[in-house]
Amino acid sequence: MLQIEALEVIGYDPATGRFPSTVFANMFGEPIPYEYEIDGRAFTIRTELAGGATYTGSFSADGETASGGWRPNPGAEGPGNTAYDVVGKRVV
């Protein structure tokens, strides 16, 4: 089984109100650029790597969970760029 190890560095761009990020992961040979956009409890994450994909999700009212799903950009579906859903829980 492949153990995925990654480091994500997230910044903030006050000109756009968005959060650019770069992920360095052992499963890819190059850094992966992302951009976060947050609107209240809703958030979107985008990348253009491998034809692009978008995550659309939201935080629960209590802030303890986040859920949503990744979807490849139209025409970019394929190995390594497939649709899937995610549920995350805050760990203290």
Protein backbone atom coordinates (compact mmCIF):
# COMPACT_ATOMS: atom_id res chain seq x y z
CA MET A 1 0.00 0.00 0.00
CA LEU A 2 1.28 3.45 -0.93
CA GLN A 3 1.53 5.81 2.02
CA ILE A 4 0.90 9.33 0.79
CA GLU A 5 3.00 12.03 2.37
CA ALA A 6 2.47 15.67 1.47
CA LEU A 7 3.13 19.22 2.57
CA GLU A 8 0.78 22.01 1.52
CA VAL A 9 1.85 25.66 1.75
CA ILE A 10 -1.13 28.04 1.66
CA GLY A 11 -0.87 31.80 1.25
CA TYR A 12 -3.32 34.67 0.91
CA ASP A 13 -3.67 37.12 -1.99
CA PRO A 14 -5.40 40.28 -0.69
CA ALA A 15 -5.91 41.55 -4.27
CA THR A 16 -8.20 38.61 -5.13
CA GLY A 17 -9.30 37.45 -1.66
CA ARG A 18 -8.17 33.95 -2.62
CA PHE A 19 -5.68 31.52 -1.14
CA PRO A 20 -3.05 30.17 -3.56
CA SER A 21 -1.36 26.97 -2.42
CA THR A 22 1.27 24.49 -3.51
CA VAL A 23 1.27 20.81 -2.56
CA PHE A 24 4.50 18.82 -2.49
CA ALA A 25 3.58 15.12 -2.44
CA ASN A 26 5.54 11.89 -2.78
CA MET A 27 3.04 10.57 -5.35
CA PHE A 28 3.75 13.31 -7.93
CA GLY A 29 7.01 14.33 -9.52
CA GLU A 30 6.22 18.03 -9.45
CA PRO A 31 4.59 20.55 -7.09
CA ILE A 32 0.81 20.82 -7.51
CA PRO A 33 -0.67 24.34 -7.62
CA TYR A 34 -4.13 24.96 -6.16
CA GLU A 35 -6.28 27.99 -5.44
CA TYR A 36 -8.87 28.20 -2.65
CA GLU A 37 -11.87 30.51 -2.66
CA ILE A 38 -13.93 30.79 0.53
CA ASP A 39 -17.41 32.31 0.80
CA GLY A 40 -18.87 31.88 4.28
CA ARG A 41 -19.08 28.13 4.92
CA ALA A 42 -18.77 27.25 1.19
CA PHE A 43 -15.39 26.80 -0.43
CA THR A 44 -13.93 25.89 -3.80
CA ILE A 45 -10.48 24.53 -4.60
CA ARG A 46 -9.16 24.49 -8.17
CA THR A 47 -6.13 23.07 -9.94
CA GLU A 48 -5.17 23.05 -13.59
CA LEU A 49 -2.81 20.06 -13.26
CA ALA A 50 -3.72 17.09 -15.50
CA GLY A 51 -6.39 19.08 -17.33
CA GLY A 52 -7.82 20.56 -14.17
CA ALA A 53 -10.28 19.69 -11.44
CA THR A 54 -12.52 21.55 -8.99
CA TYR A 55 -13.47 20.69 -5.42
CA THR A 56 -16.73 22.18 -4.18
CA GLY A 57 -17.49 21.78 -0.50
CA SER A 58 -18.73 23.35 2.69
CA PHE A 59 -17.98 23.46 6.39
CA SER A 60 -20.64 22.33 8.88
CA ALA A 61 -22.33 24.99 11.03
CA ASP A 62 -20.20 23.96 14.03
CA GLY A 63 -16.98 23.95 11.96
CA GLU A 64 -16.21 20.35 12.94
CA THR A 65 -16.62 18.76 9.50
CA ALA A 66 -16.15 19.61 5.85
CA SER A 67 -17.65 17.72 2.94
CA GLY A 68 -17.78 17.98 -0.82
CA GLY A 69 -16.31 16.45 -3.92
CA TRP A 70 -13.64 16.70 -6.58
CA ARG A 71 -14.76 16.76 -10.20
CA PRO A 72 -12.45 16.79 -13.23
CA ASN A 73 -12.87 19.67 -15.64
CA PRO A 74 -14.91 18.64 -18.71
CA GLY A 75 -12.71 16.58 -21.03
CA ALA A 76 -10.05 16.01 -18.36
CA GLU A 77 -11.48 12.79 -16.92
CA GLY A 78 -9.13 9.82 -16.74
CA PRO A 79 -6.61 7.94 -14.59
CA GLY A 80 -5.46 10.17 -11.76
CA ASN A 81 -8.25 12.68 -12.41
CA THR A 82 -11.52 11.03 -11.43
CA ALA A 83 -14.54 12.26 -9.51
CA TYR A 84 -14.74 11.43 -5.80
CA ASP A 85 -16.35 12.75 -2.63
CA VAL A 86 -14.62 13.65 0.63
CA VAL A 87 -15.75 14.06 4.24
CA GLY A 88 -13.26 15.40 6.77
CA LYS A 89 -13.45 15.85 10.52
CA ARG A 90 -11.46 18.24 12.67
CA VAL A 91 -8.97 16.45 14.91
CA VAL A 92 -7.85 18.21 18.06
